[in-house]
C-alpha atoms as a PDB file:
ATOM      1  CA  MET A   1     207.254  26.354  55.235  1.00  0.00           C
ATOM      2  CA  GLU A   2     203.536  25.961  55.934  1.00  0.00           C
ATOM      3  CA  ASN A   3     202.334  25.686  59.514  1.00  0.00           C
ATOM      4  CA  ILE A   4     201.630  21.936  59.774  1.00  0.00           C
ATOM      5  CA  LYS A   5     200.595  20.520  63.141  1.00  0.00           C
ATOM      6  CA  TYR A   6     200.249  16.928  64.336  1.00  0.00           C
ATOM      7  CA  GLU A   7     199.410  16.530  68.006  1.00  0.00           C
ATOM      8  CA  SER A   8     200.918  13.045  68.073  1.00  0.00           C
ATOM      9  CA  ILE A   9     204.438  14.471  67.529  1.00  0.00           C
ATOM     10  CA  ALA A  10     204.438  16.568  70.722  1.00  0.00           C
ATOM     11  CA  GLY A  11     206.908  15.260  73.289  1.00  0.00           C
ATOM     12  CA  LYS A  12     208.394  12.637  70.988  1.00  0.00           C
ATOM     13  CA  LYS A  13     212.176  12.220  71.111  1.00  0.00           C
ATOM     14  CA  VAL A  14     213.516  12.658  67.583  1.00  0.00           C
ATOM     15  CA  VAL A  15     217.064  11.855  66.450  1.00  0.00           C
ATOM     16  CA  ILE A  16     218.125  13.534  63.207  1.00  0.00           C
ATOM     17  CA  THR A  17     221.483  12.755  61.610  1.00  0.00           C
ATOM     18  CA  GLY A  18     223.070  15.182  59.195  1.00  0.00           C
ATOM     19  CA  ALA A  19     221.317  17.894  61.168  1.00  0.00           C
ATOM     20  CA  SER A  20     223.384  20.822  59.921  1.00  0.00           C
ATOM     21  CA  GLY A  21     222.510  20.383  56.236  1.00  0.00           C
ATOM     22  CA  GLY A  22     219.635  21.910  54.308  1.00  0.00           C
ATOM     23  CA  ILE A  23     217.237  19.000  54.811  1.00  0.00           C
ATOM     24  CA  GLY A  24     218.457  18.507  58.379  1.00  0.00           C
ATOM     25  CA  GLU A  25     217.664  22.087  59.328  1.00  0.00           C
ATOM     26  CA  ALA A  26     214.240  21.891  57.668  1.00  0.00           C
ATOM     27  CA  LEU A  27     213.507  18.698  59.604  1.00  0.00           C
ATOM     28  CA  SER A  28     214.640  20.259  62.875  1.00  0.00           C
ATOM     29  CA  THR A  29     212.440  23.301  62.347  1.00  0.00           C
ATOM     30  CA  ILE A  30     209.221  21.465  61.557  1.00  0.00           C
ATOM     31  CA  TYR A  31     209.583  18.901  64.347  1.00  0.00           C
ATOM     32  CA  ALA A  32     210.366  21.657  66.861  1.00  0.00           C
ATOM     33  CA  GLU A  33     207.253  23.523  65.752  1.00  0.00           C
ATOM     34  CA  ASN A  34     205.291  20.363  66.539  1.00  0.00           C
ATOM     35  CA  GLY A  35     206.668  20.102  70.064  1.00  0.00           C
ATOM     36  CA  ALA A  36     209.171  17.308  69.577  1.00  0.00           C
ATOM     37  CA  LYS A  37     212.287  16.909  71.718  1.00  0.00           C
ATOM     38  CA  LEU A  38     215.195  17.143  69.291  1.00  0.00           C
ATOM     39  CA  ILE A  39     218.461  15.225  69.459  1.00  0.00           C
ATOM     40  CA  LEU A  40     220.569  16.505  66.589  1.00  0.00           C
ATOM     41  CA  THR A  41     223.821  15.033  65.389  1.00  0.00           C
ATOM     42  CA  ASP A  42     226.432  15.729  62.742  1.00  0.00           C
ATOM     43  CA  ILE A  43     230.189  15.684  62.533  1.00  0.00           C
ATOM     44  CA  SER A  44     231.657  18.103  65.045  1.00  0.00           C
ATOM     45  CA  ALA A  45     232.851  20.768  62.596  1.00  0.00           C
ATOM     46  CA  ARG A  46     229.474  20.976  60.877  1.00  0.00           C
ATOM     47  CA  LEU A  47     227.440  20.765  64.061  1.00  0.00           C
ATOM     48  CA  LYS A  48     229.101  23.961  65.297  1.00  0.00           C
ATOM     49  CA  ILE A  49     227.861  26.039  62.358  1.00  0.00           C
ATOM     50  CA  GLY A  50     224.263  24.849  62.046  1.00  0.00           C
ATOM     51  CA  ASN A  51     221.115  26.827  62.798  1.00  0.00           C
ATOM     52  CA  TYR A  52     219.009  24.908  65.327  1.00  0.00           C
ATOM     53  CA  PRO A  53     215.783  25.410  67.286  1.00  0.00           C
ATOM     54  CA  ASP A  54     216.032  26.414  70.937  1.00  0.00           C
ATOM     55  CA  GLY A  55     216.255  23.493  73.333  1.00  0.00           C
ATOM     56  CA  ALA A  56     217.710  21.015  70.865  1.00  0.00           C
ATOM     57  CA  ILE A  57     220.262  18.577  72.250  1.00  0.00           C
ATOM     58  CA  LEU A  58     223.397  18.628  70.081  1.00  0.00           C
ATOM     59  CA  ILE A  59     225.582  15.518  70.049  1.00  0.00           C
ATOM     60  CA  PRO A  60     228.613  15.377  67.736  1.00  0.00           C
ATOM     61  CA  GLY A  61     228.739  12.107  65.857  1.00  0.00           C
ATOM     62  CA  ASP A  62     230.883  10.528  63.165  1.00  0.00           C
ATOM     63  CA  LEU A  63     229.038   7.969  61.030  1.00  0.00           C
ATOM     64  CA  SER A  64     232.091   6.893  59.044  1.00  0.00           C
ATOM     65  CA  SER A  65     233.089   3.929  61.235  1.00  0.00           C
ATOM     66  CA  LEU A  66     231.332   1.124  63.074  1.00  0.00           C
ATOM     67  CA  ASP A  67     232.802   2.081  66.429  1.00  0.00           C
ATOM     68  CA  SER A  68     231.978   5.779  66.195  1.00  0.00           C
ATOM     69  CA  VAL A  69     228.351   5.037  65.319  1.00  0.00           C
ATOM     70  CA  GLU A  70     228.087   2.726  68.308  1.00  0.00           C
ATOM     71  CA  ASP A  71     229.559   5.475  70.504  1.00  0.00           C
ATOM     72  CA  LEU A  72     227.019   7.948  69.133  1.00  0.00           C
ATOM     73  CA  ALA A  73     224.114   5.615  69.840  1.00  0.00           C
ATOM     74  CA  LYS A  74     225.305   5.097  73.406  1.00  0.00           C
ATOM     75  CA  CYS A  75     225.604   8.872  73.939  1.00  0.00           C
ATOM     76  CA  VAL A  76     222.062   9.384  72.680  1.00  0.00           C
ATOM     77  CA  LEU A  77     220.630   6.641  74.877  1.00  0.00           C
ATOM     78  CA  ASP A  78     222.546   7.905  77.915  1.00  0.00           C
ATOM     79  CA  GLU A  79     221.087  11.363  77.276  1.00  0.00           C
ATOM     80  CA  VAL A  80     217.420  10.541  76.588  1.00  0.00           C
ATOM     81  CA  GLY A  81     216.895   6.879  77.527  1.00  0.00           C
ATOM     82  CA  SER A  82     215.046   5.868  74.374  1.00  0.00           C
ATOM     83  CA  VAL A  83     214.265   7.237  70.917  1.00  0.00           C
ATOM     84  CA  ASP A  84     210.784   7.560  69.419  1.00  0.00           C
ATOM     85  CA  ILE A  85     211.633   8.769  65.912  1.00  0.00           C
ATOM     86  CA  LEU A  86     214.883   8.118  64.048  1.00  0.00           C
ATOM     87  CA  ILE A  87     215.555  10.100  60.889  1.00  0.00           C
ATOM     88  CA  ASN A  88     218.615   8.866  59.020  1.00  0.00           C
ATOM     89  CA  ASN A  89     219.409  11.915  56.925  1.00  0.00           C
ATOM     90  CA  ALA A  90     223.214  12.190  56.770  1.00  0.00           C
ATOM     91  CA  GLY A  91     224.749  11.950  53.321  1.00  0.00           C
ATOM     92  CA  LEU A  92     227.701  12.812  51.150  1.00  0.00           C
ATOM     93  CA  GLN A  93     228.513  12.552  47.479  1.00  0.00           C
ATOM     94  CA  ILE A  94     231.506  11.801  45.263  1.00  0.00           C
ATOM     95  CA  VAL A  95     231.089  12.060  41.490  1.00  0.00           C
ATOM     96  CA  THR A  96     233.607   9.935  39.600  1.00  0.00           C
ATOM     97  CA  PRO A  97     233.688   7.001  37.131  1.00  0.00           C
ATOM     98  CA  VAL A  98     233.630   3.484  38.560  1.00  0.00           C
ATOM     99  CA  ASP A  99     237.110   2.611  37.296  1.00  0.00           C
ATOM    100  CA  GLU A 100     238.564   5.705  38.971  1.00  0.00           C
ATOM    101  CA  PHE A 101     236.635   5.544  42.251  1.00  0.00           C
ATOM    102  CA  PRO A 102     238.967   5.267  45.295  1.00  0.00           C
ATOM    103  CA  ASP A 103     238.153   2.135  47.307  1.00  0.00           C
ATOM    104  CA  LYS A 104     238.279   3.893  50.673  1.00  0.00           C
ATOM    105  CA  GLU A 105     235.922   6.639  49.530  1.00  0.00           C
ATOM    106  CA  TRP A 106     233.490   4.089  48.079  1.00  0.00           C
ATOM    107  CA  LEU A 107     233.396   2.242  51.383  1.00  0.00           C
ATOM    108  CA  LYS A 108     233.005   5.500  53.313  1.00  0.00           C
ATOM    109  CA  LEU A 109     229.846   6.399  51.394  1.00  0.00           C
ATOM    110  CA  ILE A 110     228.404   2.929  52.019  1.00  0.00           C
ATOM    111  CA  GLN A 111     229.226   3.170  55.732  1.00  0.00           C
ATOM    112  CA  VAL A 112     227.702   6.631  56.231  1.00  0.00           C
ATOM    113  CA  MET A 113     224.539   6.142  54.166  1.00  0.00           C
ATOM    114  CA  LEU A 114     223.755   2.426  54.593  1.00  0.00           C
ATOM    115  CA  VAL A 115     225.673   0.789  57.417  1.00  0.00           C
ATOM    116  CA  ALA A 116     225.201   3.654  59.892  1.00  0.00           C
ATOM    117  CA  PRO A 117     221.404   3.719  59.405  1.00  0.00           C
ATOM    118  CA  PHE A 118     221.394  -0.032  60.058  1.00  0.00           C
ATOM    119  CA  GLN A 119     223.434   0.441  63.225  1.00  0.00           C
ATOM    120  CA  LEU A 120     221.323   3.270  64.627  1.00  0.00           C
ATOM    121  CA  THR A 121     218.133   1.374  63.834  1.00  0.00           C
ATOM    122  CA  LYS A 122     219.553  -1.673  65.581  1.00  0.00           C
ATOM    123  CA  TYR A 123     220.462   0.283  68.721  1.00  0.00           C
ATOM    124  CA  PHE A 124     217.226   2.282  68.976  1.00  0.00           C
ATOM    125  CA  LEU A 125     214.720  -0.446  68.097  1.00  0.00           C
ATOM    126  CA  PRO A 126     214.700  -2.096  71.555  1.00  0.00           C
ATOM    127  CA  GLY A 127     213.391   1.106  73.148  1.00  0.00           C
ATOM    128  CA  MET A 128     210.777   1.523  70.448  1.00  0.00           C
ATOM    129  CA  LYS A 129     209.642  -2.068  70.926  1.00  0.00           C
ATOM    130  CA  LYS A 130     209.416  -1.577  74.681  1.00  0.00           C
ATOM    131  CA  ASN A 131     207.268   1.525  74.183  1.00  0.00           C
ATOM    132  CA  LYS A 132     205.185  -0.148  71.455  1.00  0.00           C
ATOM    133  CA  TRP A 133     205.660   2.924  69.262  1.00  0.00           C
ATOM    134  CA  GLY A 134     208.327   4.104  66.886  1.00  0.00           C
ATOM    135  CA  ARG A 135     209.050   5.698  63.543  1.00  0.00           C
ATOM    136  CA  ILE A 136     212.058   5.183  61.308  1.00  0.00           C
ATOM    137  CA  ILE A 137     212.376   7.632  58.423  1.00  0.00           C
ATOM    138  CA  ASN A 138     215.262   7.046  56.039  1.00  0.00           C
ATOM    139  CA  ILE A 139     216.113   9.897  53.697  1.00  0.00           C
ATOM    140  CA  SER A 140     217.128   7.984  50.606  1.00  0.00           C
ATOM    141  CA  SER A 141     217.138   9.632  47.184  1.00  0.00           C
ATOM    142  CA  ILE A 142     215.681   9.313  43.740  1.00  0.00           C
ATOM    143  CA  HIS A 143     218.964   7.448  43.271  1.00  0.00           C
ATOM    144  CA  GLY A 144     217.537   4.820  45.581  1.00  0.00           C
ATOM    145  CA  LEU A 145     215.093   4.050  42.755  1.00  0.00           C
ATOM    146  CA  VAL A 146     217.009   4.860  39.563  1.00  0.00           C
ATOM    147  CA  ALA A 147     220.655   5.362  38.618  1.00  0.00           C
ATOM    148  CA  SER A 148     222.828   8.076  37.129  1.00  0.00           C
ATOM    149  CA  PRO A 149     226.396   7.748  35.841  1.00  0.00           C
ATOM    150  CA  PHE A 150     229.431   8.526  37.975  1.00  0.00           C
ATOM    151  CA  LYS A 151     227.617   7.978  41.304  1.00  0.00           C
ATOM    152  CA  SER A 152     228.115   4.251  41.875  1.00  0.00           C
ATOM    153  CA  ALA A 153     228.680   4.387  45.646  1.00  0.00           C
ATOM    154  CA  TYR A 154     225.829   6.822  46.291  1.00  0.00           C
ATOM    155  CA  VAL A 155     223.388   4.889  44.109  1.00  0.00           C
ATOM    156  CA  ALA A 156     224.380   1.583  45.695  1.00  0.00           C
ATOM    157  CA  ALA A 157     223.979   2.982  49.213  1.00  0.00           C
ATOM    158  CA  LYS A 158     220.617   4.589  48.516  1.00  0.00           C
ATOM    159  CA  HIS A 159     219.214   1.502  46.773  1.00  0.00           C
ATOM    160  CA  GLY A 160     220.382  -0.524  49.751  1.00  0.00           C
ATOM    161  CA  LEU A 161     218.724   1.900  52.157  1.00  0.00           C
ATOM    162  CA  VAL A 162     215.357   1.483  50.430  1.00  0.00           C
ATOM    163  CA  GLY A 163     215.676  -2.294  50.666  1.00  0.00           C
ATOM    164  CA  PHE A 164     216.766  -2.116  54.294  1.00  0.00           C
ATOM    165  CA  THR A 165     213.769   0.076  55.114  1.00  0.00           C
ATOM    166  CA  LYS A 166     211.370  -2.456  53.614  1.00  0.00           C
ATOM    167  CA  THR A 167     212.967  -5.287  55.583  1.00  0.00           C
ATOM    168  CA  VAL A 168     212.702  -3.397  58.877  1.00  0.00           C
ATOM    169  CA  ALA A 169     209.043  -2.671  58.161  1.00  0.00           C
ATOM    170  CA  THR A 170     208.295  -6.380  57.772  1.00  0.00           C
ATOM    171  CA  GLU A 171     209.933  -7.160  61.117  1.00  0.00           C
ATOM    172  CA  VAL A 172     208.505  -4.545  63.473  1.00  0.00           C
ATOM    173  CA  GLY A 173     204.950  -3.851  62.346  1.00  0.00           C
ATOM    174  CA  GLU A 174     203.407  -5.735  65.264  1.00  0.00           C
ATOM    175  CA  ASP A 175     205.405  -3.577  67.682  1.00  0.00           C
ATOM    176  CA  GLY A 176     203.709  -0.331  66.656  1.00  0.00           C
ATOM    177  CA  ILE A 177     206.734   0.741  64.634  1.00  0.00           C
ATOM    178  CA  THR A 178     206.770   1.911  61.025  1.00  0.00           C
ATOM    179  CA  ALA A 179     209.686   2.338  58.641  1.00  0.00           C
ATOM    180  CA  ASN A 180     209.579   4.356  55.435  1.00  0.00           C
ATOM    181  CA  SER A 181     212.011   5.986  53.062  1.00  0.00           C
ATOM    182  CA  ILE A 182     211.783   9.294  51.232  1.00  0.00           C
ATOM    183  CA  CYS A 183     213.421   9.554  47.821  1.00  0.00           C
ATOM    184  CA  PRO A 184     213.950  13.173  46.750  1.00  0.00           C
ATOM    185  CA  GLY A 185     215.297  14.396  43.457  1.00  0.00           C
ATOM    186  CA  TYR A 186     217.727  17.293  43.507  1.00  0.00           C
ATOM    187  CA  VAL A 187     217.009  19.395  46.595  1.00  0.00           C
ATOM    188  CA  ASP A 188     218.241  22.956  46.965  1.00  0.00           C
ATOM    189  CA  THR A 189     220.931  22.165  49.545  1.00  0.00           C
ATOM    190  CA  PRO A 190     224.689  22.655  49.903  1.00  0.00           C
ATOM    191  CA  LEU A 191     225.138  18.950  49.049  1.00  0.00           C
ATOM    192  CA  SER A 192     223.420  19.352  45.686  1.00  0.00           C
ATOM    193  CA  ARG A 193     225.053  22.665  44.825  1.00  0.00           C
ATOM    194  CA  GLY A 194     228.417  21.281  45.928  1.00  0.00           C
ATOM    195  CA  GLN A 195     228.262  18.765  43.091  1.00  0.00           C
ATOM    196  CA  ILE A 196     228.159  21.374  40.348  1.00  0.00           C
ATOM    197  CA  LYS A 197     231.919  21.586  39.780  1.00  0.00           C
ATOM    198  CA  SER A 198     232.488  17.816  39.743  1.00  0.00           C
ATOM    199  CA  GLN A 199     229.430  17.274  37.547  1.00  0.00           C
ATOM    200  CA  SER A 200     230.723  19.826  35.045  1.00  0.00           C
ATOM    201  CA  LEU A 201     234.090  18.065  34.878  1.00  0.00           C
ATOM    202  CA  VAL A 202     232.823  14.509  34.358  1.00  0.00           C
ATOM    203  CA  HIS A 203     230.141  15.559  31.865  1.00  0.00           C
ATOM    204  CA  GLY A 204     232.342  18.053  30.022  1.00  0.00           C
ATOM    205  CA  ILE A 205     229.955  21.010  30.328  1.00  0.00           C
ATOM    206  CA  ASP A 206     230.128  24.468  31.901  1.00  0.00           C
ATOM    207  CA  GLU A 207     229.237  24.803  35.568  1.00  0.00           C
ATOM    208  CA  ASP A 208     226.305  27.100  34.813  1.00  0.00           C
ATOM    209  CA  GLU A 209     224.778  24.358  32.656  1.00  0.00           C
ATOM    210  CA  VAL A 210     224.803  21.617  35.297  1.00  0.00           C
ATOM    211  CA  ILE A 211     221.482  22.454  36.960  1.00  0.00           C
ATOM    212  CA  SER A 212     219.505  22.643  33.707  1.00  0.00           C
ATOM    213  CA  LYS A 213     221.262  19.925  31.703  1.00  0.00           C
ATOM    214  CA  ILE A 214     222.008  17.384  34.454  1.00  0.00           C
ATOM    215  CA  MET A 215     220.061  18.001  37.651  1.00  0.00           C
ATOM    216  CA  LEU A 216     216.740  19.036  36.109  1.00  0.00           C
ATOM    217  CA  GLN A 217     216.985  17.351  32.715  1.00  0.00           C
ATOM    218  CA  ASN A 218     214.507  14.577  33.588  1.00  0.00           C
ATOM    219  CA  ALA A 219     212.275  16.645  35.871  1.00  0.00           C
ATOM    220  CA  SER A 220     208.887  17.911  34.730  1.00  0.00           C
ATOM    221  CA  ILE A 221     209.045  20.797  37.216  1.00  0.00           C
ATOM    222  CA  LYS A 222     212.218  22.657  36.329  1.00  0.00           C
ATOM    223  CA  GLU A 223     213.356  23.833  39.732  1.00  0.00           C
ATOM    224  CA  LEU A 224     215.276  22.421  42.671  1.00  0.00           C
ATOM    225  CA  ILE A 225     213.092  20.993  45.442  1.00  0.00           C
ATOM    226  CA  ASP A 226     212.750  22.980  48.650  1.00  0.00           C
ATOM    227  CA  PRO A 227     213.987  21.109  51.767  1.00  0.00           C
ATOM    228  CA  SER A 228     210.728  21.906  53.553  1.00  0.00           C
ATOM    229  CA  GLU A 229     208.882  19.547  51.198  1.00  0.00           C
ATOM    230  CA  ILE A 230     210.950  16.599  52.434  1.00  0.00           C
ATOM    231  CA  ALA A 231     210.504  17.695  56.049  1.00  0.00           C
ATOM    232  CA  SER A 232     206.725  17.957  55.665  1.00  0.00           C
ATOM    233  CA  LEU A 233     206.449  14.407  54.340  1.00  0.00           C
ATOM    234  CA  ALA A 234     208.708  13.077  57.090  1.00  0.00           C
ATOM    235  CA  LEU A 235     206.526  14.763  59.707  1.00  0.00           C
ATOM    236  CA  PHE A 236     203.375  13.193  58.286  1.00  0.00           C
ATOM    237  CA  LEU A 237     204.976   9.739  58.186  1.00  0.00           C
ATOM    238  CA  SER A 238     205.975  10.199  61.834  1.00  0.00           C
ATOM    239  CA  SER A 239     202.459  11.069  62.946  1.00  0.00           C
ATOM    240  CA  ASP A 240     199.634   8.799  64.070  1.00  0.00           C
ATOM    241  CA  SER A 241     197.843   9.820  60.868  1.00  0.00           C
ATOM    242  CA  ALA A 242     200.305   7.531  59.048  1.00  0.00           C
ATOM    243  CA  LYS A 243     200.276   4.603  61.476  1.00  0.00           C
ATOM    244  CA  SER A 244     199.389   2.095  58.737  1.00  0.00           C
ATOM    245  CA  ILE A 245     201.949   3.366  56.229  1.00  0.00           C
ATOM    246  CA  THR A 246     205.110   1.301  56.371  1.00  0.00           C
ATOM    247  CA  GLY A 247     207.654  -0.242  54.027  1.00  0.00           C
ATOM    248  CA  SER A 248     207.087   2.428  51.402  1.00  0.00           C
ATOM    249  CA  ALA A 249     209.488   4.544  49.363  1.00  0.00           C
ATOM    250  CA  TYR A 250     208.073   7.968  48.552  1.00  0.00           C
ATOM    251  CA  SER A 251     209.543   9.885  45.638  1.00  0.00           C
ATOM    252  CA  ILE A 252     209.557  13.677  45.674  1.00  0.00           C
ATOM    253  CA  ASP A 253     211.211  14.088  42.314  1.00  0.00           C
ATOM    254  CA  ALA A 254     209.391  16.797  40.318  1.00  0.00           C
ATOM    255  CA  GLY A 255     208.200  14.126  37.902  1.00  0.00           C
ATOM    256  CA  TRP A 256     211.594  12.540  37.212  1.00  0.00           C
ATOM    257  CA  THR A 257     210.448   8.908  37.485  1.00  0.00           C
ATOM    258  CA  ALA A 258     207.128   9.522  35.717  1.00  0.00           C
ATOM    259  CA  ARG A 259     208.950   9.314  32.392  1.00  0.00           C
END
């Protein structure tokens, strides 16, 4: 990761969900290097095994129910008073045809990746408004812009997250708050690599063919994206250098949507 510095990030209180994943750890690293105060959250089992910068505040949090998200928000606010930068990064994936998709699992994906970002935004916005400064960065996906088969819940959640981000941006611009989404293609993370077996089954191909024939088929650059690229864009969007950028959805997709 390149040494990128923005003075406006120093001292800012940053909440990152899904902090133990590949993108989460990249985000934590780059914000820590810029002097931010980190509040990192993930489900308890995953939070215990992550690699985090010194001084980060770790708060276990379950995003899979309305009540548990509310509890998480209250814990964060009790700990730090207000939040300057919220990065909704947590995600999960299930690859299965629509007519075989379990209802409870479909709803779980929507809750974690769409409803929970709404809730956390709702709870942290009052502090941002009071301080007349805030940044909301939603890690969506290229599947927030286009669709792929067998990912109906994920695609629906990520499309919804892009729309939610735009709506928030229209509401809070006069309060010094911006809201943007980042839409990566396949990133080299455990979440992406964890899909290989299920992708091979639903597409009827060998596991060693999934990356080339499914994940990178539409990409012009034939390699998985490094998590640091997503973190670098998030950092820029959080800085005062991006104070007039809001309501946008930025694709980092190796040329996928250029076709």
